[in-house]
Every structure is written in C-alpha cells, then in structure tokens.
C-alpha cells in the first residue's frame, strides 16, 4: 500500500430551509460509507443565523475514482447527506 495523501474538505451548515421549526441546530454525530472519510464538527448548538462547520478528511487507500457519502445527523427533518466524489491519480 502506498500513501497517496489526504484531502481536507470544509462544509458550513446554516440553520434555514427546514420545514420543522427549530431554535438551534445541533449535530450529535456523523457516519461515513467507508473508513477513509473522517468528519469533525462543531459540538456547540448554532442559533438562527449562526453556522456550524463540518470538516471532512479523505484518506483514500488506492488510486482511482471514489464516491463517499457522509451523513450528518442533526435535529432537522432529515439528516444532511454530503457526497464527495473525486479521482486519485
């Protein structure tokens, strides 16, 4: 196995566009479709107009195309699904 590097991706979540009326956006956890994607996220609640940041670290084990889904569990109508696609040369 060879080290092909790490890709860091940042995502900002903003409270809004949710059918359910919520006062604060809270992220209790995340899941990923594989072990090569690790997410870190703000642990504090966000009030209306504030943001929470989710950082995703991709460490693909081999070259080629990849498509990974990170599910951000939060107190909204549905979890937020982030899909990361790319190619490692």
Protein backbone atom coordinates (compact mmCIF):
# COMPACT_ATOMS: atom_id res chain seq x y z
CA UNK A 1 0.00 0.00 0.00
CA UNK A 2 1.30 3.47 -0.81
CA UNK A 3 0.42 6.78 0.77
CA UNK A 4 -1.43 8.89 -1.77
CA UNK A 5 -2.18 11.83 0.53
CA UNK A 6 -5.04 13.37 2.42
CA UNK A 7 -7.78 15.68 1.15
CA UNK A 8 -9.41 18.12 3.58
CA UNK A 9 -12.87 19.45 2.78
CA UNK A 10 -14.78 22.06 4.79
CA UNK A 11 -18.54 22.46 4.83
CA UNK A 12 -20.59 25.18 6.53
CA UNK A 13 -24.13 24.35 7.68
CA UNK A 14 -26.58 27.20 8.16
CA UNK A 15 -29.86 26.89 10.01
CA UNK A 16 -32.60 27.60 7.50
CA UNK A 17 -34.72 25.93 4.83
CA UNK A 18 -36.04 23.39 7.32
CA UNK A 19 -39.77 22.62 7.47
CA UNK A 20 -39.55 21.78 11.15
CA UNK A 21 -39.33 24.84 13.42
CA UNK A 22 -36.14 24.54 15.47
CA UNK A 23 -34.45 27.11 17.65
CA UNK A 24 -30.92 25.68 17.48
CA UNK A 25 -29.06 23.48 15.01
CA UNK A 26 -27.33 20.61 16.81
CA UNK A 27 -25.09 17.91 15.31
CA UNK A 28 -24.91 14.85 17.58
CA UNK A 29 -22.83 12.79 15.14
CA UNK A 30 -21.81 11.74 11.64
CA UNK A 31 -21.38 8.48 9.73
CA UNK A 32 -19.44 7.70 6.55
CA UNK A 33 -19.72 4.97 3.91
CA UNK A 34 -16.12 3.91 4.50
CA UNK A 35 -13.26 4.27 6.93
CA UNK A 36 -11.30 6.55 4.58
CA UNK A 37 -13.61 9.51 5.38
CA UNK A 38 -13.47 11.07 8.84
CA UNK A 39 -15.62 14.02 9.87
CA UNK A 40 -15.06 16.52 12.64
CA UNK A 41 -17.77 19.02 13.50
CA UNK A 42 -18.64 21.89 15.81
CA UNK A 43 -20.10 20.44 19.01
CA UNK A 44 -21.92 23.58 20.17
CA UNK A 45 -25.51 24.43 19.13
CA UNK A 46 -25.99 27.13 16.50
CA UNK A 47 -28.71 29.75 16.93
CA UNK A 48 -30.67 31.06 13.92
CA UNK A 49 -28.30 32.89 11.59
CA UNK A 50 -25.21 31.16 13.01
CA UNK A 51 -23.24 28.41 11.30
CA UNK A 52 -21.70 25.10 12.22
CA UNK A 53 -18.64 23.77 10.44
CA UNK A 54 -18.09 20.18 9.35
CA UNK A 55 -14.56 19.23 8.23
CA UNK A 56 -14.06 16.02 6.30
CA UNK A 57 -10.71 14.32 5.89
CA UNK A 58 -10.45 11.89 2.98
CA UNK A 59 -7.61 9.37 3.04
CA UNK A 60 -8.15 7.10 0.03
CA UNK A 61 -6.15 3.89 0.23
CA UNK A 62 -5.68 3.43 -3.51
CA UNK A 63 -5.76 5.36 -6.76
CA UNK A 64 -8.83 5.64 -8.96
CA UNK A 65 -12.30 7.14 -8.67
CA UNK A 66 -14.11 7.38 -5.35
CA UNK A 67 -17.56 8.40 -4.19
CA UNK A 68 -18.22 8.60 -0.46
CA UNK A 69 -21.28 9.76 1.44
CA UNK A 70 -21.06 11.40 4.84
CA UNK A 71 -24.34 11.59 6.76
CA UNK A 72 -24.58 14.49 9.20
CA UNK A 73 -27.12 13.63 11.87
CA UNK A 74 -28.84 16.73 13.20
CA UNK A 75 -32.12 17.89 14.64
CA UNK A 76 -33.66 18.74 11.25
CA UNK A 77 -36.39 16.97 9.24
CA UNK A 78 -33.84 14.65 7.63
CA UNK A 79 -30.13 14.02 8.06
CA UNK A 80 -27.86 16.02 5.74
CA UNK A 81 -26.06 13.85 3.19
CA UNK A 82 -22.78 15.09 1.74
CA UNK A 83 -21.37 13.23 -1.27
CA UNK A 84 -17.71 13.59 -2.08
CA UNK A 85 -16.53 12.36 -5.47
CA UNK A 86 -13.07 12.52 -6.88
CA UNK A 87 -10.20 10.76 -8.51
CA UNK A 88 -6.85 9.89 -7.03
CA UNK A 89 -4.13 9.76 -9.67
